[in-house]
């Protein structure tokens, strides 16, 4: 099965009709690990899809987040970022350049707490903030 067929299958399994726009948006998320915003996705896809709108992207990403196909990340005060990797992991955000990187968590036990004060845990977000290696090296010069 090729990548596009896999995206179509994932959309159908999640209950979505695999439109060209949905396929393109999910494929973009699954192949670009930059944690893009709606604007970034629009800038990347609109040249080849002139009828694509930011509203369509926003609504599609909101639906993907609600269905578990993508993660909606509120890592800063300005933008919502989206992540196509829904496996348990954390994020590192550089306070200087704003780059967002995935952080592998080897012990996922802490992500699967069955109950907390009698509540059902449905999502966990772990974010680390600091200075990335590139920015750190630039400041050391």
C-alpha atoms as a PDB file:
ATOM      1  CA  UNK A   1       0.000   0.000   0.000  1.00  0.00           C
ATOM      2  CA  UNK A   2       1.455   3.387  -0.963  1.00  0.00           C
ATOM      3  CA  UNK A   3       1.407   6.449   1.305  1.00  0.00           C
ATOM      4  CA  UNK A   4      -1.677   8.012  -0.300  1.00  0.00           C
ATOM      5  CA  UNK A   5      -3.632   4.757  -0.060  1.00  0.00           C
ATOM      6  CA  UNK A   6      -2.657   4.536   3.608  1.00  0.00           C
ATOM      7  CA  UNK A   7      -3.909   8.104   4.210  1.00  0.00           C
ATOM      8  CA  UNK A   8      -7.193   7.275   2.438  1.00  0.00           C
ATOM      9  CA  UNK A   9      -7.571   4.168   4.601  1.00  0.00           C
ATOM     10  CA  UNK A  10      -6.886   6.144   7.811  1.00  0.00           C
ATOM     11  CA  UNK A  11      -9.453   8.769   6.823  1.00  0.00           C
ATOM     12  CA  UNK A  12     -12.082   6.131   6.084  1.00  0.00           C
ATOM     13  CA  UNK A  13     -11.381   4.274   9.345  1.00  0.00           C
ATOM     14  CA  UNK A  14     -11.878   7.568  11.221  1.00  0.00           C
ATOM     15  CA  UNK A  15     -15.209   8.117   9.437  1.00  0.00           C
ATOM     16  CA  UNK A  16     -14.099  10.788   6.944  1.00  0.00           C
ATOM     17  CA  UNK A  17     -14.838  10.927   3.244  1.00  0.00           C
ATOM     18  CA  UNK A  18     -11.359  11.051   1.664  1.00  0.00           C
ATOM     19  CA  UNK A  19     -11.619  14.321  -0.274  1.00  0.00           C
ATOM     20  CA  UNK A  20      -8.577  15.691  -2.091  1.00  0.00           C
ATOM     21  CA  UNK A  21      -8.229  18.423   0.527  1.00  0.00           C
ATOM     22  CA  UNK A  22      -8.414  16.052   3.504  1.00  0.00           C
ATOM     23  CA  UNK A  23      -5.911  13.702   1.885  1.00  0.00           C
ATOM     24  CA  UNK A  24      -3.502  16.571   1.167  1.00  0.00           C
ATOM     25  CA  UNK A  25      -3.772  18.027   4.681  1.00  0.00           C
ATOM     26  CA  UNK A  26      -3.263  14.700   6.463  1.00  0.00           C
ATOM     27  CA  UNK A  27      -0.463  13.718   4.087  1.00  0.00           C
ATOM     28  CA  UNK A  28       1.234  17.056   4.797  1.00  0.00           C
ATOM     29  CA  UNK A  29       0.996  16.485   8.547  1.00  0.00           C
ATOM     30  CA  UNK A  30       2.340  12.946   8.267  1.00  0.00           C
ATOM     31  CA  UNK A  31       5.318  13.968   6.109  1.00  0.00           C
ATOM     32  CA  UNK A  32       6.286  17.344   7.639  1.00  0.00           C
ATOM     33  CA  UNK A  33       7.401  17.125  11.239  1.00  0.00           C
ATOM     34  CA  UNK A  34       7.552  20.885  11.794  1.00  0.00           C
ATOM     35  CA  UNK A  35       4.311  21.100  13.806  1.00  0.00           C
ATOM     36  CA  UNK A  36       2.774  23.535  11.311  1.00  0.00           C
ATOM     37  CA  UNK A  37       0.056  26.120  11.867  1.00  0.00           C
ATOM     38  CA  UNK A  38      -2.981  26.598   9.619  1.00  0.00           C
ATOM     39  CA  UNK A  39      -1.137  29.429   7.846  1.00  0.00           C
ATOM     40  CA  UNK A  40       1.924  27.265   7.168  1.00  0.00           C
ATOM     41  CA  UNK A  41      -0.187  24.447   5.751  1.00  0.00           C
ATOM     42  CA  UNK A  42      -2.118  26.929   3.613  1.00  0.00           C
ATOM     43  CA  UNK A  43       1.098  28.433   2.218  1.00  0.00           C
ATOM     44  CA  UNK A  44       2.423  24.981   1.373  1.00  0.00           C
ATOM     45  CA  UNK A  45      -0.716  23.526  -0.217  1.00  0.00           C
ATOM     46  CA  UNK A  46      -2.539  26.460  -1.814  1.00  0.00           C
ATOM     47  CA  UNK A  47      -0.251  26.820  -4.866  1.00  0.00           C
ATOM     48  CA  UNK A  48      -1.277  23.346  -6.028  1.00  0.00           C
ATOM     49  CA  UNK A  49      -4.853  23.628  -4.679  1.00  0.00           C
ATOM     50  CA  UNK A  50      -6.173  27.101  -5.584  1.00  0.00           C
ATOM     51  CA  UNK A  51      -9.645  26.392  -4.150  1.00  0.00           C
ATOM     52  CA  UNK A  52      -8.249  25.507  -0.713  1.00  0.00           C
ATOM     53  CA  UNK A  53      -9.107  28.018   2.014  1.00  0.00           C
ATOM     54  CA  UNK A  54      -7.734  28.616   5.496  1.00  0.00           C
ATOM     55  CA  UNK A  55     -11.226  27.938   6.848  1.00  0.00           C
ATOM     56  CA  UNK A  56     -11.223  24.497   5.222  1.00  0.00           C
ATOM     57  CA  UNK A  57      -7.820  23.735   6.719  1.00  0.00           C
ATOM     58  CA  UNK A  58      -8.876  24.972  10.157  1.00  0.00           C
ATOM     59  CA  UNK A  59     -12.109  22.948  10.140  1.00  0.00           C
ATOM     60  CA  UNK A  60     -10.346  19.853   8.808  1.00  0.00           C
ATOM     61  CA  UNK A  61      -7.609  20.038  11.442  1.00  0.00           C
ATOM     62  CA  UNK A  62     -10.161  20.557  14.196  1.00  0.00           C
ATOM     63  CA  UNK A  63     -12.012  17.437  13.005  1.00  0.00           C
ATOM     64  CA  UNK A  64      -8.757  15.482  12.740  1.00  0.00           C
ATOM     65  CA  UNK A  65      -7.832  16.480  16.288  1.00  0.00           C
ATOM     66  CA  UNK A  66     -11.236  15.468  17.640  1.00  0.00           C
ATOM     67  CA  UNK A  67     -11.051  12.086  15.897  1.00  0.00           C
ATOM     68  CA  UNK A  68      -7.467  11.326  16.938  1.00  0.00           C
ATOM     69  CA  UNK A  69      -5.873  11.613  13.490  1.00  0.00           C
ATOM     70  CA  UNK A  70      -3.792  14.614  14.602  1.00  0.00           C
ATOM     71  CA  UNK A  71      -2.812  16.480  17.728  1.00  0.00           C
ATOM     72  CA  UNK A  72      -3.726  20.092  18.353  1.00  0.00           C
ATOM     73  CA  UNK A  73      -0.901  21.772  20.277  1.00  0.00           C
ATOM     74  CA  UNK A  74      -1.239  25.069  22.099  1.00  0.00           C
ATOM     75  CA  UNK A  75       2.441  25.591  22.765  1.00  0.00           C
ATOM     76  CA  UNK A  76       2.516  29.358  22.600  1.00  0.00           C
ATOM     77  CA  UNK A  77       0.066  32.214  23.033  1.00  0.00           C
ATOM     78  CA  UNK A  78      -0.135  33.090  19.341  1.00  0.00           C
ATOM     79  CA  UNK A  79      -0.716  29.924  17.340  1.00  0.00           C
ATOM     80  CA  UNK A  80      -2.163  26.457  17.416  1.00  0.00           C
ATOM     81  CA  UNK A  81       0.263  23.935  15.953  1.00  0.00           C
ATOM     82  CA  UNK A  82      -0.680  20.537  14.578  1.00  0.00           C
ATOM     83  CA  UNK A  83       1.130  17.234  14.822  1.00  0.00           C
ATOM     84  CA  UNK A  84       0.505  14.212  12.620  1.00  0.00           C
ATOM     85  CA  UNK A  85       2.333  11.941  15.072  1.00  0.00           C
ATOM     86  CA  UNK A  86      -0.295  10.782  17.545  1.00  0.00           C
ATOM     87  CA  UNK A  87       1.939   8.276  19.355  1.00  0.00           C
ATOM     88  CA  UNK A  88       2.863   9.259  22.932  1.00  0.00           C
ATOM     89  CA  UNK A  89       5.698  11.782  22.894  1.00  0.00           C
ATOM     90  CA  UNK A  90       6.656  15.162  24.329  1.00  0.00           C
ATOM     91  CA  UNK A  91       7.773  18.404  22.685  1.00  0.00           C
ATOM     92  CA  UNK A  92      10.736  20.732  23.092  1.00  0.00           C
ATOM     93  CA  UNK A  93      10.119  24.368  22.160  1.00  0.00           C
ATOM     94  CA  UNK A  94      13.048  26.729  21.621  1.00  0.00           C
ATOM     95  CA  UNK A  95      12.295  30.046  23.309  1.00  0.00           C
ATOM     96  CA  UNK A  96      14.642  31.850  20.891  1.00  0.00           C
ATOM     97  CA  UNK A  97      13.719  30.595  17.403  1.00  0.00           C
ATOM     98  CA  UNK A  98      10.367  28.928  18.139  1.00  0.00           C
ATOM     99  CA  UNK A  99      11.350  25.574  16.638  1.00  0.00           C
ATOM    100  CA  UNK A 100       9.283  22.658  17.952  1.00  0.00           C
ATOM    101  CA  UNK A 101      10.897  19.239  18.166  1.00  0.00           C
ATOM    102  CA  UNK A 102       9.508  15.857  19.131  1.00  0.00           C
ATOM    103  CA  UNK A 103      10.970  14.247  22.250  1.00  0.00           C
ATOM    104  CA  UNK A 104      10.774  10.466  22.568  1.00  0.00           C
ATOM    105  CA  UNK A 105       9.527   9.275  25.931  1.00  0.00           C
ATOM    106  CA  UNK A 106      10.823   5.815  26.766  1.00  0.00           C
ATOM    107  CA  UNK A 107       8.738   5.301  29.891  1.00  0.00           C
ATOM    108  CA  UNK A 108       5.166   5.855  28.745  1.00  0.00           C
ATOM    109  CA  UNK A 109       3.714   4.564  32.031  1.00  0.00           C
ATOM    110  CA  UNK A 110       3.372   8.149  33.229  1.00  0.00           C
ATOM    111  CA  UNK A 111       1.263   8.930  30.161  1.00  0.00           C
ATOM    112  CA  UNK A 112      -1.288   6.238  30.931  1.00  0.00           C
ATOM    113  CA  UNK A 113      -2.426   7.005  34.450  1.00  0.00           C
ATOM    114  CA  UNK A 114      -5.739   5.137  34.612  1.00  0.00           C
ATOM    115  CA  UNK A 115      -7.432   7.551  36.999  1.00  0.00           C
ATOM    116  CA  UNK A 116      -6.535  10.810  38.653  1.00  0.00           C
ATOM    117  CA  UNK A 117      -8.835  11.873  41.486  1.00  0.00           C
ATOM    118  CA  UNK A 118     -11.549   9.679  40.014  1.00  0.00           C
ATOM    119  CA  UNK A 119     -11.357  11.360  36.602  1.00  0.00           C
ATOM    120  CA  UNK A 120     -10.664   9.689  33.278  1.00  0.00           C
ATOM    121  CA  UNK A 121      -7.443  10.960  31.699  1.00  0.00           C
ATOM    122  CA  UNK A 122      -8.032  11.500  27.972  1.00  0.00           C
ATOM    123  CA  UNK A 123      -4.891  13.373  26.972  1.00  0.00           C
ATOM    124  CA  UNK A 124      -1.478  14.286  28.330  1.00  0.00           C
ATOM    125  CA  UNK A 125       0.778  17.041  27.013  1.00  0.00           C
ATOM    126  CA  UNK A 126       4.385  17.348  28.090  1.00  0.00           C
ATOM    127  CA  UNK A 127       6.356  20.318  26.795  1.00  0.00           C
ATOM    128  CA  UNK A 128       9.910  21.342  27.539  1.00  0.00           C
ATOM    129  CA  UNK A 129      11.010  24.928  26.933  1.00  0.00           C
ATOM    130  CA  UNK A 130      14.569  26.129  26.529  1.00  0.00           C
ATOM    131  CA  UNK A 131      17.199  26.854  23.944  1.00  0.00           C
ATOM    132  CA  UNK A 132      17.839  24.537  21.002  1.00  0.00           C
ATOM    133  CA  UNK A 133      21.351  23.467  20.097  1.00  0.00           C
ATOM    134  CA  UNK A 134      21.537  25.836  17.106  1.00  0.00           C
ATOM    135  CA  UNK A 135      20.504  28.909  19.118  1.00  0.00           C
ATOM    136  CA  UNK A 136      22.766  27.875  21.983  1.00  0.00           C
ATOM    137  CA  UNK A 137      25.769  27.653  19.644  1.00  0.00           C
ATOM    138  CA  UNK A 138      24.942  31.040  18.076  1.00  0.00           C
ATOM    139  CA  UNK A 139      24.904  32.704  21.500  1.00  0.00           C
ATOM    140  CA  UNK A 140      28.234  31.103  22.449  1.00  0.00           C
ATOM    141  CA  UNK A 141      29.991  32.771  19.503  1.00  0.00           C
END
